[in-house]
N, C-alpha and C. Protein backbone atom coordinates (compact mmCIF):
# COMPACT_ATOMS: atom_id res chain seq x y z
N MET A 1 18.05 7.04 17.25
CA MET A 1 18.24 5.94 16.18
C MET A 1 16.91 5.11 16.58
N ILE A 2 16.49 4.64 17.93
CA ILE A 2 15.48 3.90 18.10
C ILE A 2 14.26 4.28 17.53
N LEU A 3 14.06 5.66 17.43
CA LEU A 3 12.92 6.19 16.97
C LEU A 3 12.68 5.83 15.42
N LEU A 4 13.89 6.00 14.78
CA LEU A 4 13.83 5.64 13.34
C LEU A 4 13.69 4.28 13.06
N GLU A 5 14.21 3.32 13.88
CA GLU A 5 13.95 1.94 13.75
C GLU A 5 12.45 1.60 14.08
N ALA A 6 11.94 2.26 15.04
CA ALA A 6 10.63 2.10 15.16
C ALA A 6 9.65 2.51 14.16
N ALA A 7 10.02 3.58 13.48
CA ALA A 7 9.10 4.32 12.28
C ALA A 7 9.34 3.27 11.17
N ILE A 8 10.49 2.73 10.95
CA ILE A 8 10.57 1.80 9.81
C ILE A 8 9.83 0.53 10.05
N ALA A 9 9.80 0.07 11.33
CA ALA A 9 9.11 -1.22 11.67
C ALA A 9 7.54 -0.85 11.64
N ILE A 10 7.04 0.13 11.89
CA ILE A 10 5.80 0.62 11.59
C ILE A 10 5.28 0.67 10.23
N TYR A 11 6.18 1.18 9.44
CA TYR A 11 5.88 1.36 7.98
C TYR A 11 5.95 0.06 7.26
N LEU A 12 6.73 -0.78 7.77
CA LEU A 12 6.86 -2.01 7.04
C LEU A 12 5.56 -2.80 7.52
N THR A 13 5.08 -2.71 8.60
CA THR A 13 3.80 -3.33 9.25
C THR A 13 2.65 -2.82 8.33
N ILE A 14 2.59 -1.56 8.07
CA ILE A 14 1.43 -0.92 7.32
C ILE A 14 1.54 -1.45 5.76
N ASN A 15 2.63 -1.40 5.28
CA ASN A 15 2.83 -2.08 4.07
C ASN A 15 2.24 -3.53 3.97
N ALA A 16 2.70 -4.35 5.04
CA ALA A 16 2.28 -5.69 5.09
C ALA A 16 0.59 -5.84 5.32
N ALA A 17 -0.01 -4.84 6.03
CA ALA A 17 -1.53 -4.91 6.22
C ALA A 17 -1.99 -4.37 4.92
N ALA A 18 -1.54 -3.46 4.12
CA ALA A 18 -1.93 -3.22 2.86
C ALA A 18 -1.93 -4.36 1.97
N PHE A 19 -0.96 -5.05 1.83
CA PHE A 19 -0.74 -6.29 0.98
C PHE A 19 -1.83 -7.39 1.47
N LEU A 20 -1.93 -7.59 2.74
CA LEU A 20 -3.07 -8.42 3.24
C LEU A 20 -4.41 -8.12 2.83
N ALA A 21 -4.70 -6.74 2.89
CA ALA A 21 -6.02 -6.24 2.48
C ALA A 21 -6.42 -6.56 1.17
N TYR A 22 -5.50 -6.26 0.33
CA TYR A 22 -5.58 -6.57 -1.13
C TYR A 22 -5.82 -8.16 -1.52
N TYR A 23 -5.05 -8.72 -0.64
CA TYR A 23 -4.93 -10.30 -1.01
C TYR A 23 -6.48 -10.76 -0.42
N SER A 24 -6.84 -10.27 0.61
CA SER A 24 -8.29 -10.70 1.18
C SER A 24 -9.31 -10.46 0.29
N ASP A 25 -9.31 -9.14 -0.17
CA ASP A 25 -10.49 -8.61 -1.05
C ASP A 25 -10.44 -9.57 -2.51
N LYS A 26 -9.17 -9.89 -3.10
CA LYS A 26 -9.06 -10.63 -4.06
C LYS A 26 -9.67 -12.02 -3.87
N ARG A 27 -9.49 -12.82 -2.61
CA ARG A 27 -10.02 -13.86 -2.19
C ARG A 27 -11.35 -13.92 -2.13
N SER A 28 -11.92 -12.69 -1.51
CA SER A 28 -13.27 -12.63 -1.43
C SER A 28 -14.12 -12.57 -2.68
N ALA A 29 -13.23 -11.74 -3.62
CA ALA A 29 -13.99 -11.63 -4.93
C ALA A 29 -14.14 -13.12 -5.69
N ARG A 30 -13.10 -13.79 -5.43
CA ARG A 30 -13.26 -15.14 -6.07
C ARG A 30 -14.48 -15.92 -5.45
N ARG A 31 -14.60 -15.80 -4.28
CA ARG A 31 -15.66 -16.59 -3.51
C ARG A 31 -16.97 -15.87 -3.50
N SER A 32 -17.07 -14.73 -4.17
CA SER A 32 -18.46 -13.92 -4.04
C SER A 32 -18.77 -13.63 -2.68
N ALA A 33 -17.77 -13.28 -1.84
CA ALA A 33 -18.16 -13.09 -0.44
C ALA A 33 -18.08 -11.38 -0.15
N TRP A 34 -18.22 -11.09 0.99
CA TRP A 34 -18.28 -9.77 1.24
C TRP A 34 -16.85 -9.01 0.94
N ARG A 35 -16.87 -7.79 0.29
CA ARG A 35 -15.62 -7.26 -0.11
C ARG A 35 -15.16 -6.08 0.67
N THR A 36 -13.91 -5.98 0.68
CA THR A 36 -13.29 -4.76 1.36
C THR A 36 -13.85 -3.43 0.55
N PRO A 37 -14.28 -2.49 0.99
CA PRO A 37 -14.67 -1.16 0.42
C PRO A 37 -13.55 -0.60 -0.50
N GLU A 38 -13.86 -0.07 -1.59
CA GLU A 38 -12.80 0.57 -2.34
C GLU A 38 -11.90 1.68 -1.61
N LYS A 39 -12.72 2.37 -0.77
CA LYS A 39 -12.26 3.51 -0.29
C LYS A 39 -11.31 3.15 0.98
N THR A 40 -11.52 2.01 1.58
CA THR A 40 -10.36 1.55 2.41
C THR A 40 -9.29 0.82 1.80
N LEU A 41 -9.36 0.32 0.78
CA LEU A 41 -8.26 -0.08 -0.18
C LEU A 41 -7.26 1.09 -0.38
N LEU A 42 -7.92 2.13 -1.07
CA LEU A 42 -7.15 3.30 -1.36
C LEU A 42 -6.57 3.86 -0.25
N VAL A 43 -7.33 3.90 0.96
CA VAL A 43 -6.36 4.60 2.05
C VAL A 43 -5.20 3.69 2.52
N MET A 44 -5.52 2.27 2.32
CA MET A 44 -4.29 1.53 2.81
C MET A 44 -3.32 1.70 1.68
N ALA A 45 -3.56 1.86 0.58
CA ALA A 45 -2.58 2.08 -0.57
C ALA A 45 -1.86 3.56 -0.39
N LEU A 46 -2.43 4.48 0.02
CA LEU A 46 -1.93 5.74 0.49
C LEU A 46 -1.05 5.59 1.46
N LEU A 47 -1.28 4.87 2.64
CA LEU A 47 -0.32 4.55 3.78
C LEU A 47 0.85 3.45 3.47
N GLY A 48 0.50 2.64 2.79
CA GLY A 48 1.32 1.63 2.62
C GLY A 48 1.34 0.96 0.97
N PRO A 49 2.07 1.95 0.03
CA PRO A 49 1.97 1.78 -1.22
C PRO A 49 2.73 0.68 -1.86
N PHE A 50 3.88 0.30 -1.11
CA PHE A 50 4.65 -0.65 -1.55
C PHE A 50 3.96 -2.07 -1.63
N GLY A 51 3.33 -2.30 -0.27
CA GLY A 51 2.41 -3.62 -0.29
C GLY A 51 1.42 -3.61 -1.09
N ALA A 52 0.73 -2.42 -1.26
CA ALA A 52 -0.59 -2.40 -2.18
C ALA A 52 -0.08 -2.65 -3.66
N LEU A 53 0.76 -1.99 -4.02
CA LEU A 53 1.05 -2.20 -5.53
C LEU A 53 1.60 -3.71 -5.67
N PHE A 54 2.45 -4.14 -4.63
CA PHE A 54 2.92 -5.31 -5.11
C PHE A 54 1.82 -6.54 -5.08
N ALA A 55 0.91 -6.28 -4.16
CA ALA A 55 -0.21 -7.10 -4.19
C ALA A 55 -1.14 -7.04 -5.56
N MET A 56 -1.45 -5.82 -5.98
CA MET A 56 -2.17 -5.54 -7.13
C MET A 56 -1.60 -6.24 -8.42
N ARG A 57 -0.31 -6.12 -8.32
CA ARG A 57 0.40 -6.78 -9.64
C ARG A 57 0.56 -8.43 -9.34
N LEU A 58 0.66 -8.96 -8.10
CA LEU A 58 0.91 -10.30 -7.88
C LEU A 58 -0.35 -10.90 -8.09
N PHE A 59 -1.50 -10.24 -7.65
CA PHE A 59 -3.00 -11.01 -7.65
C PHE A 59 -3.82 -10.70 -8.76
N ARG A 60 -3.18 -9.57 -9.63
CA ARG A 60 -3.88 -8.93 -10.74
C ARG A 60 -5.06 -8.50 -10.14
N HIS A 61 -5.13 -7.51 -9.15
CA HIS A 61 -6.41 -7.18 -8.69
C HIS A 61 -6.48 -5.64 -8.65
N LYS A 62 -7.60 -5.19 -8.93
CA LYS A 62 -7.90 -3.83 -9.19
C LYS A 62 -7.02 -2.99 -10.10
N THR A 63 -6.33 -3.83 -11.15
CA THR A 63 -5.34 -3.11 -11.92
C THR A 63 -6.13 -2.21 -13.08
N GLN A 64 -7.22 -2.44 -13.40
CA GLN A 64 -7.99 -1.88 -14.37
C GLN A 64 -8.87 -0.69 -14.01
N LYS A 65 -9.15 -0.63 -12.77
CA LYS A 65 -9.92 0.32 -12.14
C LYS A 65 -9.16 1.74 -12.11
N GLY A 66 -10.01 2.75 -12.57
CA GLY A 66 -9.33 3.82 -12.69
C GLY A 66 -8.90 4.74 -11.60
N LYS A 67 -9.55 4.42 -10.30
CA LYS A 67 -9.08 5.08 -9.14
C LYS A 67 -7.85 4.38 -8.62
N PHE A 68 -7.71 3.18 -8.90
CA PHE A 68 -6.48 2.50 -8.45
C PHE A 68 -5.24 2.73 -9.40
N ARG A 69 -5.36 3.40 -10.13
CA ARG A 69 -4.15 3.88 -10.92
C ARG A 69 -3.43 4.98 -10.26
N LEU A 70 -4.10 5.56 -9.09
CA LEU A 70 -3.31 6.38 -8.21
C LEU A 70 -2.25 5.78 -7.34
N VAL A 71 -2.33 4.39 -7.25
CA VAL A 71 -1.45 3.69 -6.41
C VAL A 71 0.15 3.89 -6.73
N PRO A 72 0.45 3.94 -8.07
CA PRO A 72 1.80 4.20 -8.34
C PRO A 72 2.37 5.56 -7.98
N LEU A 73 1.37 6.72 -8.07
CA LEU A 73 1.47 8.01 -7.58
C LEU A 73 1.75 8.03 -6.21
N PHE A 74 0.98 7.15 -5.43
CA PHE A 74 1.34 7.25 -3.90
C PHE A 74 2.50 6.71 -3.72
N LEU A 75 3.03 5.75 -4.34
CA LEU A 75 4.27 5.16 -4.28
C LEU A 75 5.52 6.17 -4.66
N CYS A 76 5.39 6.96 -5.69
CA CYS A 76 6.14 7.85 -5.96
C CYS A 76 6.25 9.12 -4.90
N LEU A 77 5.16 9.40 -4.31
CA LEU A 77 5.01 10.37 -3.35
C LEU A 77 5.88 9.82 -2.14
N HIS A 78 5.93 8.65 -1.66
CA HIS A 78 6.51 7.92 -0.61
C HIS A 78 7.88 8.06 -0.90
N ILE A 79 8.41 7.73 -2.01
CA ILE A 79 9.89 7.63 -2.50
C ILE A 79 10.39 9.19 -2.23
N VAL A 80 9.73 10.24 -2.65
CA VAL A 80 10.11 11.58 -2.84
C VAL A 80 10.12 11.92 -1.46
N LEU A 81 9.17 11.61 -0.56
CA LEU A 81 9.34 12.09 0.73
C LEU A 81 10.46 11.22 1.61
N ALA A 82 10.68 10.07 1.23
CA ALA A 82 11.90 9.34 1.97
C ALA A 82 13.04 9.91 1.49
N VAL A 83 13.35 10.23 0.34
CA VAL A 83 14.63 11.01 -0.19
C VAL A 83 14.62 12.38 0.53
N ALA A 84 13.57 13.03 0.60
CA ALA A 84 13.64 14.42 1.34
C ALA A 84 13.99 14.40 2.73
N PHE A 85 13.45 13.20 3.36
CA PHE A 85 13.85 12.95 4.72
C PHE A 85 15.30 12.37 5.01
N VAL A 86 15.81 11.52 4.02
CA VAL A 86 17.34 11.23 4.29
C VAL A 86 18.20 12.48 3.91
N LEU A 87 17.90 13.36 2.99
CA LEU A 87 18.57 14.61 2.80
C LEU A 87 18.61 15.37 3.84
N THR A 88 17.42 15.60 4.67
CA THR A 88 17.63 16.37 5.94
C THR A 88 18.50 15.72 6.92
N LEU A 89 18.68 14.46 6.92
CA LEU A 89 19.39 13.90 7.88
C LEU A 89 20.94 14.20 7.78
N THR A 90 21.38 14.45 6.56
CA THR A 90 22.63 14.60 6.12
C THR A 90 23.11 16.09 6.27
């Protein structure tokens, strides 16, 4: 059970990092400062789609870019994997 708790903590941390990456990039865009590469943001979204999608909606950031329309699909993938994992536990 400790392993599961650690995995959940790591997952939450990754999602928080994705949220912060999108926030930071939006802030940089407003200031015309150095931006986070899109590839980095997409990898963060693949690993932490909850945080990335929440930040995209909250800050209205990268919502019109074609590549970033994959983020909801990443979220669906994570949900399917989580359901499959839970079903294997029972």
